[in-house]
Amino acid sequence: MKETLDILAFGAHPDDVELSCAGTLMKHINAGMSVGIIDLTQGELGSRGTIATRYEEAEAASKIMGIATRVNLKMADGFFENNEANQLLIIEQIRKYRPKIVLMNAVSDRHPDHGKGSQLVSTACYLAGLMKVETSMDGVHQKAHRPDAVYHYIQDYYIQPDFVVDVTPFYEKKIEAIKAYKTQFYDPNSEEPQTPISGEDFFHFISSRMREFGRPIGATYAEGFTIERFIGVNLLTDLS
């Protein structure tokens, strides 16, 4: 495994990344790029499953996607804050893996942790580039590093995307990665409480959202993202 990564994707909970941008990650992995995932919390407040099953499911999903590395920062599910301690935890990971691109939660969403996680990671990405913010890992001083770009994936609530990625060839594998979270999603034999994402119709929602994002660019399935700054291109023909 390469120590540095091309893309580092953050999620407030295990399965956030799979639900929102697994296709995009797999497309870049297929193109030869290295990708990692950082989960902020262990999803311990979830109505279904346990911390132990979430780790097992996250590992299974990572293998399906071909993720190079996955780390859980063990922040408090539901109660983590955008504070110095949590910022430093993320800065350490950014400086360790030195990604070119960082993906993170939606700017606003049904689950309040998504918006909080979005702001926290965005803040840390900026601070990671400041030399006077000092961090170390395993006793070794870390050099400052700021990603070239940060993008927010779109989750439950509809947000107008600034750009979309055609992930049609990876749709089936994305669904497979999501279903690796067996305790969280549809299982007709489960006796656990029903949640907004545990019904069979939730997969129809995922498919419909991806079709909606794909239609304007002539793709069957796409994933949407929002930006924090303008995207620069060299030629208009780079855009599609």
Protein backbone atom coordinates (compact mmCIF):
# COMPACT_ATOMS: atom_id res chain seq x y z
CA MET A 1 0.00 0.00 0.00
CA LYS A 2 1.25 3.47 -0.86
CA GLU A 3 1.48 5.73 2.17
CA THR A 4 0.15 8.68 0.19
CA LEU A 5 -3.31 8.62 -1.36
CA ASP A 6 -4.81 10.26 -4.40
CA ILE A 7 -8.25 10.56 -2.78
CA LEU A 8 -9.26 10.51 0.89
CA ALA A 9 -12.99 10.26 1.60
CA PHE A 10 -14.42 11.18 4.99
CA GLY A 11 -17.75 10.05 6.41
CA ALA A 12 -19.43 10.91 9.69
CA HIS A 13 -20.56 7.28 9.94
CA PRO A 14 -19.47 3.96 8.44
CA ASP A 15 -21.61 3.61 5.26
CA ASP A 16 -21.87 7.35 4.48
CA VAL A 17 -19.15 7.05 1.85
CA GLU A 18 -20.56 3.86 0.35
CA LEU A 19 -24.04 5.35 0.00
CA SER A 20 -22.91 8.62 -1.54
CA CYS A 21 -19.72 8.22 -3.57
CA ALA A 22 -18.72 4.54 -3.75
CA GLY A 23 -19.10 4.57 -7.52
CA THR A 24 -16.81 7.57 -7.89
CA LEU A 25 -14.17 5.99 -5.66
CA MET A 26 -14.26 2.70 -7.54
CA LYS A 27 -14.02 4.50 -10.87
CA HIS A 28 -10.82 6.22 -9.75
CA ILE A 29 -9.43 3.01 -8.23
CA ASN A 30 -10.10 1.31 -11.57
CA ALA A 31 -8.08 4.09 -13.21
CA GLY A 32 -5.09 3.21 -11.02
CA MET A 33 -5.52 5.73 -8.22
CA SER A 34 -5.18 5.01 -4.50
CA VAL A 35 -8.16 5.74 -2.25
CA GLY A 36 -8.70 5.70 1.51
CA ILE A 37 -11.66 6.24 3.84
CA ILE A 38 -11.77 7.92 7.24
CA ASP A 39 -14.87 7.30 9.37
CA LEU A 40 -15.32 9.95 12.06
CA THR A 41 -17.51 7.84 14.36
CA GLN A 42 -18.28 4.19 14.94
CA GLY A 43 -22.00 4.74 14.32
CA GLU A 44 -22.69 3.59 17.86
CA LEU A 45 -26.02 5.40 18.15
CA GLY A 46 -27.51 3.58 15.17
CA SER A 47 -30.81 1.82 15.88
CA ARG A 48 -29.58 -1.38 14.26
CA GLY A 49 -26.38 -3.36 14.68
CA THR A 50 -23.46 -2.84 17.05
CA ILE A 51 -20.03 -1.25 16.97
CA ALA A 52 -18.55 -4.68 16.29
CA THR A 53 -20.84 -5.38 13.33
CA ARG A 54 -20.21 -1.92 11.88
CA TYR A 55 -16.47 -2.63 11.82
CA GLU A 56 -17.04 -6.01 10.18
CA GLU A 57 -19.35 -4.48 7.60
CA ALA A 58 -17.01 -1.58 6.87
CA GLU A 59 -14.17 -4.02 6.26
CA ALA A 60 -16.31 -6.09 3.92
CA ALA A 61 -17.44 -3.01 1.99
CA SER A 62 -13.85 -1.76 1.71
CA LYS A 63 -12.74 -5.06 0.17
CA ILE A 64 -15.54 -4.89 -2.37
CA MET A 65 -14.52 -1.36 -3.38
CA GLY A 66 -10.77 -1.98 -3.30
CA ILE A 67 -10.01 0.66 -0.67
CA ALA A 68 -6.30 0.93 0.23
CA THR A 69 -6.79 1.90 3.87
CA ARG A 70 -9.63 2.71 6.28
CA VAL A 71 -9.38 4.43 9.67
CA ASN A 72 -11.99 5.13 12.33
CA LEU A 73 -11.33 8.19 14.50
CA LYS A 74 -13.86 7.11 17.17
CA MET A 75 -15.45 10.51 17.67
CA ALA A 76 -18.72 10.54 19.60
CA ASP A 77 -21.60 9.62 17.31
CA GLY A 78 -24.23 12.34 17.49
CA PHE A 79 -22.20 14.53 19.84
CA PHE A 80 -18.87 15.28 18.15
CA GLU A 81 -18.07 18.96 17.67
CA ASN A 82 -16.01 21.09 15.32
CA ASN A 83 -13.37 21.79 17.95
CA GLU A 84 -9.59 21.83 18.15
CA ALA A 85 -9.23 18.26 19.39
CA ASN A 86 -11.26 16.80 16.54
CA GLN A 87 -9.69 19.10 13.97
CA LEU A 88 -6.26 17.85 14.99
CA LEU A 89 -7.32 14.22 14.61
CA ILE A 90 -8.31 14.92 11.01
CA ILE A 91 -5.26 17.08 10.30
CA GLU A 92 -3.05 14.17 11.36
CA GLN A 93 -4.73 11.90 8.81
CA ILE A 94 -4.54 14.50 6.04
CA ARG A 95 -0.85 15.04 6.70
CA LYS A 96 -0.19 11.32 6.92
CA TYR A 97 -1.83 10.41 3.62
CA ARG A 98 -1.32 13.75 1.83
CA PRO A 99 -4.29 13.32 -0.54
CA LYS A 100 -4.73 15.39 -3.67
CA ILE A 101 -8.51 15.34 -3.27
CA VAL A 102 -10.70 15.10 -0.17
CA LEU A 103 -14.36 14.09 -0.30
CA MET A 104 -16.67 14.73 2.65
CA ASN A 105 -20.26 14.75 3.86
CA ALA A 106 -23.02 16.91 2.41
CA VAL A 107 -23.08 20.53 3.58
CA SER A 108 -26.56 19.94 5.07
CA ASP A 109 -28.61 16.79 5.50
CA ARG A 110 -31.31 14.93 7.43
CA HIS A 111 -28.80 13.58 9.96
CA PRO A 112 -27.18 16.53 11.79
CA ASP A 113 -23.84 14.69 11.98
CA HIS A 114 -23.54 14.98 8.20
CA GLY A 115 -23.52 18.77 8.16
CA LYS A 116 -21.32 18.87 11.28
CA GLY A 117 -18.89 16.40 9.76
CA SER A 118 -18.79 18.43 6.57
CA GLN A 119 -17.83 21.62 8.40
CA LEU A 120 -15.31 19.82 10.61
CA VAL A 121 -13.44 18.19 7.74
CA SER A 122 -13.53 21.35 5.65
CA THR A 123 -12.00 23.35 8.51
CA ALA A 124 -9.33 20.71 9.08
CA CYS A 125 -8.39 20.65 5.39
CA TYR A 126 -7.56 24.34 5.57
CA LEU A 127 -5.72 24.16 8.89
CA ALA A 128 -3.68 21.16 7.69
CA GLY A 129 -1.92 23.54 5.30
CA LEU A 130 -0.73 25.90 8.02
CA MET A 131 2.87 25.25 9.07
CA LYS A 132 2.35 26.70 12.55
CA VAL A 133 -0.32 24.12 13.32
CA GLU A 134 1.97 21.42 14.68
CA THR A 135 1.13 17.72 14.68
CA SER A 136 3.07 14.50 14.96
CA MET A 137 2.36 10.79 14.57
CA ASP A 138 4.41 8.07 16.26
CA GLY A 139 6.77 10.76 17.51
CA VAL A 140 7.51 12.07 14.02
CA HIS A 141 6.76 15.70 13.15
CA GLN A 142 4.31 16.05 10.25
CA LYS A 143 4.75 18.49 7.40
CA ALA A 144 1.88 20.78 6.45
CA HIS A 145 -0.32 19.61 3.60
CA ARG A 146 -3.48 21.05 2.09
CA PRO A 147 -5.45 19.04 -0.49
CA ASP A 148 -5.66 20.49 -3.98
CA ALA A 149 -9.46 20.23 -3.90
CA VAL A 150 -12.26 19.38 -1.48
CA TYR A 151 -15.71 18.27 -2.60
CA HIS A 152 -18.91 17.46 -0.73
CA TYR A 153 -20.91 14.43 -1.80
CA ILE A 154 -24.71 14.62 -1.77
CA GLN A 155 -26.63 12.41 0.64
CA ASP A 156 -30.27 12.07 1.70
CA TYR A 157 -31.53 15.61 1.08
CA TYR A 158 -31.54 16.81 -2.51
CA ILE A 159 -28.86 19.42 -3.20
CA GLN A 160 -28.25 20.83 -6.67
CA PRO A 161 -24.88 19.35 -7.69
CA ASP A 162 -22.11 21.51 -9.07
CA PHE A 163 -20.85 18.51 -11.03
CA VAL A 164 -21.66 14.82 -11.40
CA VAL A 165 -19.56 11.74 -12.12
CA ASP A 166 -20.78 9.02 -14.48
CA VAL A 167 -20.51 5.81 -12.44
CA THR A 168 -22.73 3.58 -14.57
CA PRO A 169 -20.21 0.70 -14.87
CA PHE A 170 -19.86 0.59 -11.08
CA TYR A 171 -23.52 0.77 -10.07
CA GLU A 172 -23.97 -2.92 -9.27
CA LYS A 173 -20.76 -3.06 -7.27
CA LYS A 174 -21.81 0.05 -5.34
CA ILE A 175 -25.06 -1.67 -4.34
CA GLU A 176 -23.02 -4.71 -3.30
CA ALA A 177 -20.82 -2.50 -1.09
CA ILE A 178 -23.87 -0.90 0.52
CA LYS A 179 -25.45 -4.29 1.17
CA ALA A 180 -22.27 -5.33 2.99
CA TYR A 181 -23.80 -3.35 5.87
CA LYS A 182 -26.19 -6.21 6.54
CA THR A 183 -27.50 -4.85 9.85
CA GLN A 184 -28.29 -1.42 8.45
CA PHE A 185 -30.22 -2.10 5.27
CA TYR A 186 -33.06 -4.26 4.03
CA ASP A 187 -33.20 -7.78 5.45
CA PRO A 188 -36.62 -9.46 5.41
CA ASN A 189 -35.51 -11.75 8.24
CA SER A 190 -34.27 -9.00 10.55
CA GLU A 191 -36.06 -8.46 13.85
CA GLU A 192 -34.35 -5.13 14.49
CA PRO A 193 -36.24 -1.81 14.49
CA GLN A 194 -37.29 -0.32 11.17
CA THR A 195 -35.48 2.86 10.20
CA PRO A 196 -35.72 5.32 7.27
CA ILE A 197 -33.01 3.34 5.46
CA SER A 198 -33.90 -0.25 6.36
CA GLY A 199 -36.79 -0.76 3.93
CA GLU A 200 -36.46 -2.31 0.50
CA ASP A 201 -37.68 0.94 -1.04
CA PHE A 202 -34.51 2.71 0.10
CA PHE A 203 -32.59 1.02 -2.70
CA HIS A 204 -35.15 2.38 -5.17
CA PHE A 205 -34.40 5.84 -3.78
CA ILE A 206 -30.66 5.37 -4.31
CA SER A 207 -31.22 4.18 -7.87
CA SER A 208 -33.62 7.02 -8.67
CA ARG A 209 -31.27 9.69 -7.29
CA MET A 210 -28.38 8.31 -9.32
CA ARG A 211 -30.54 8.17 -12.45
CA GLU A 212 -31.63 11.78 -11.84
CA PHE A 213 -28.01 12.92 -11.63
CA GLY A 214 -27.04 10.86 -14.66
CA ARG A 215 -29.80 11.92 -17.03
CA PRO A 216 -28.53 15.46 -17.85
CA ILE A 217 -25.14 14.09 -18.96
CA GLY A 218 -26.54 11.12 -20.85
CA ALA A 219 -25.46 8.58 -18.23
CA THR A 220 -27.59 5.90 -16.63
CA TYR A 221 -26.15 6.44 -13.15
CA ALA A 222 -24.14 9.31 -11.66
CA GLU A 223 -23.12 10.67 -8.27
CA GLY A 224 -23.33 14.36 -7.44
CA PHE A 225 -20.97 16.73 -5.64
CA THR A 226 -20.81 20.35 -4.55
CA ILE A 227 -17.72 22.55 -4.50
CA GLU A 228 -16.19 25.15 -2.19
CA ARG A 229 -14.39 27.11 -4.89
CA PHE A 230 -14.51 27.44 -8.65
CA ILE A 231 -13.19 24.49 -10.64
CA GLY A 232 -10.55 25.54 -13.16
CA VAL A 233 -10.14 23.89 -16.56
CA ASN A 234 -7.57 24.39 -19.29
CA LEU A 235 -9.89 23.92 -22.27
CA LEU A 236 -13.64 23.99 -22.71
CA THR A 237 -13.32 20.58 -24.32
CA ASP A 238 -12.26 19.22 -20.90
CA LEU A 239 -15.88 19.69 -19.86
CA SER A 240 -18.62 17.28 -20.87
